Amino acid sequence: MHPEPPGTAGTSPGRRVAHLARRQDHRAKATLENMPVPPKRLKDLIEGTVDHHASLTHPDLQEITIRWRGSYGYLTAWAGEGDDNDEQIPLCRIEYLGDDDHWGFAIYDPATQTYTDAVLRTGERAGHPSDAYDTAAIIHLADYQK
């Protein structure tokens, strides 16, 4: 028999489950509520700006897409002929910090399939998403350089 979680001794199993669910739900909300989330208009603007910037520096790419989750945007390059066989190249993660022009940056590591906080090529830890793209492109898009 497993020990009872603190604060649930003497309660019915249903009440324990409900108590644990409320406690876990509260933790998740507290974490998400403290993160600034970019408004939709800013997400659309950043996606268009980064994709346009990439078309100038790496014209052989099909496009750059950004998948959003909370305050994070995950940049992916698409290379190929524009069909179902296009290669997806994960580049980096940007983090909205509450300022339209200063975003956190983490580089994608294909060996571990994780993102690691890193310094932009400008020497700063935060900057415009185009700077994040440029920094990630040095590492991940050398074969597509203009």
Protein backbone atom coordinates (compact mmCIF):
# COMPACT_ATOMS: atom_id res chain seq x y z
CA MET A 1 0.00 0.00 0.00
CA HIS A 2 1.31 3.46 -0.90
CA PRO A 3 1.60 6.19 1.70
CA GLU A 4 -1.05 8.89 1.49
CA PRO A 5 -0.01 12.31 0.17
CA PRO A 6 0.30 15.01 2.84
CA GLY A 7 -3.01 16.63 3.71
CA THR A 8 -5.15 13.73 2.43
CA ALA A 9 -5.06 11.33 5.41
CA GLY A 10 -8.48 10.04 6.34
CA THR A 11 -10.20 11.22 3.17
CA SER A 12 -11.91 9.02 0.65
CA PRO A 13 -9.95 7.99 -2.49
CA GLY A 14 -12.21 10.17 -4.66
CA ARG A 15 -11.50 13.23 -2.54
CA ARG A 16 -7.75 12.51 -2.60
CA VAL A 17 -7.77 12.35 -6.40
CA ALA A 18 -9.76 15.58 -6.63
CA HIS A 19 -7.39 17.26 -4.15
CA LEU A 20 -4.32 16.17 -6.13
CA ALA A 21 -5.90 17.22 -9.42
CA ARG A 22 -6.69 20.70 -8.03
CA ARG A 23 -3.15 21.03 -6.68
CA GLN A 24 -1.58 19.99 -10.02
CA ASP A 25 -4.00 22.23 -11.97
CA HIS A 26 -3.05 25.16 -9.71
CA ARG A 27 0.67 24.56 -10.37
CA ALA A 28 0.12 24.47 -14.15
CA LYS A 29 -1.93 27.68 -14.10
CA ALA A 30 0.62 29.45 -11.92
CA THR A 31 3.39 28.55 -14.34
CA LEU A 32 1.48 29.57 -17.47
CA GLU A 33 -0.03 32.71 -15.97
CA ASN A 34 3.40 34.17 -15.17
CA MET A 35 4.58 33.90 -18.78
CA PRO A 36 3.87 36.84 -21.08
CA VAL A 37 2.23 35.62 -24.27
CA PRO A 38 2.63 37.60 -27.49
CA PRO A 39 -0.64 38.83 -29.00
CA LYS A 40 -1.76 37.27 -32.29
CA ARG A 41 -0.96 40.42 -34.28
CA LEU A 42 2.64 40.31 -32.97
CA LYS A 43 2.97 36.59 -33.76
CA ASP A 44 1.77 37.25 -37.32
CA LEU A 45 4.16 40.21 -37.66
CA ILE A 46 7.15 38.21 -36.40
CA GLU A 47 6.35 35.26 -38.68
CA GLY A 48 6.14 37.52 -41.73
CA THR A 49 9.25 39.49 -40.80
CA VAL A 50 11.42 36.43 -40.16
CA ASP A 51 10.17 34.61 -43.28
CA HIS A 52 10.87 37.67 -45.45
CA HIS A 53 14.31 38.14 -43.88
CA ALA A 54 15.10 34.46 -44.55
CA SER A 55 14.01 34.78 -48.19
CA LEU A 56 16.67 37.48 -48.63
CA THR A 57 19.50 35.60 -46.90
CA HIS A 58 18.59 32.03 -47.90
CA PRO A 59 16.52 32.17 -51.11
CA ASP A 60 16.77 28.39 -51.67
CA LEU A 61 14.57 27.71 -48.64
CA GLN A 62 10.84 27.29 -49.15
CA GLU A 63 9.88 29.15 -45.98
CA ILE A 64 10.40 29.64 -42.27
CA THR A 65 7.51 28.71 -40.01
CA ILE A 66 7.00 29.43 -36.34
CA ARG A 67 5.00 27.08 -34.12
CA TRP A 68 3.76 28.89 -31.00
CA ARG A 69 3.34 27.48 -27.52
CA GLY A 70 2.75 30.00 -24.74
CA SER A 71 5.51 32.58 -24.82
CA TYR A 72 7.72 30.37 -27.02
CA GLY A 73 8.02 30.30 -30.80
CA TYR A 74 9.82 27.40 -32.49
CA LEU A 75 11.44 28.33 -35.82
CA THR A 76 11.67 25.68 -38.52
CA ALA A 77 13.18 26.03 -41.99
CA TRP A 78 11.65 24.14 -44.92
CA ALA A 79 13.98 23.11 -47.73
CA GLY A 80 13.10 21.33 -50.94
CA GLU A 81 10.83 21.68 -53.93
CA GLY A 82 7.71 22.80 -52.06
CA ASP A 83 6.13 19.35 -51.91
CA ASP A 84 5.53 16.61 -49.36
CA ASN A 85 9.21 15.62 -49.50
CA ASP A 86 10.48 18.93 -48.10
CA GLU A 87 13.05 18.70 -45.33
CA GLN A 88 12.16 20.21 -41.95
CA ILE A 89 15.14 21.84 -40.25
CA PRO A 90 14.48 22.88 -36.62
CA LEU A 91 16.48 26.05 -35.96
CA CYS A 92 15.83 27.68 -32.62
CA ARG A 93 13.35 28.77 -30.02
CA ILE A 94 12.46 32.39 -29.32
CA GLU A 95 10.87 33.50 -26.07
CA TYR A 96 8.62 36.53 -25.77
CA LEU A 97 9.86 38.61 -22.85
CA GLY A 98 7.16 41.28 -22.99
CA ASP A 99 9.00 43.57 -25.43
CA ASP A 100 8.28 43.40 -29.17
CA ASP A 101 11.97 43.75 -30.09
CA HIS A 102 13.76 41.74 -27.38
CA TRP A 103 13.19 38.01 -27.33
CA GLY A 104 15.08 35.25 -25.55
CA PHE A 105 16.99 32.78 -27.71
CA ALA A 106 17.78 29.06 -27.50
CA ILE A 107 19.52 27.08 -30.24
CA TYR A 108 18.26 23.68 -31.37
CA ASP A 109 20.65 20.77 -30.77
CA PRO A 110 19.86 17.91 -33.19
CA ALA A 111 22.01 15.45 -31.20
CA THR A 112 19.78 15.74 -28.13
CA GLN A 113 16.68 17.15 -29.87
CA THR A 114 16.53 19.91 -27.26
CA TYR A 115 16.87 23.69 -27.12
CA THR A 116 19.68 25.30 -25.15
CA ASP A 117 19.81 28.95 -24.11
CA ALA A 118 22.52 30.66 -26.12
CA VAL A 119 24.05 34.01 -27.03
CA LEU A 120 23.02 35.66 -30.29
CA ARG A 121 25.65 36.49 -32.91
CA THR A 122 25.28 40.09 -31.70
CA GLY A 123 26.77 39.02 -28.36
CA GLU A 124 23.48 39.59 -26.53
CA ARG A 125 21.23 37.02 -24.84
CA ALA A 126 18.09 38.70 -26.19
CA GLY A 127 17.28 40.44 -29.43
CA HIS A 128 14.97 40.58 -32.42
CA PRO A 129 13.73 37.25 -33.81
CA SER A 130 15.59 38.00 -37.07
CA ASP A 131 18.82 37.98 -35.04
CA ALA A 132 17.78 34.60 -33.62
CA TYR A 133 17.21 33.33 -37.16
CA ASP A 134 20.59 34.66 -38.35
CA THR A 135 22.40 33.01 -35.44
CA ALA A 136 20.67 29.65 -35.95
CA ALA A 137 21.26 29.84 -39.71
CA ILE A 138 25.03 30.01 -39.19
CA ILE A 139 24.85 26.60 -37.52
CA HIS A 140 21.97 24.83 -39.24
CA LEU A 141 21.76 26.33 -42.75
CA ALA A 142 25.36 26.45 -43.99
CA ASP A 143 24.35 24.34 -47.03
CA TYR A 144 21.71 26.90 -48.02
CA GLN A 145 23.81 30.07 -47.66
CA LYS A 146 23.33 32.67 -50.41
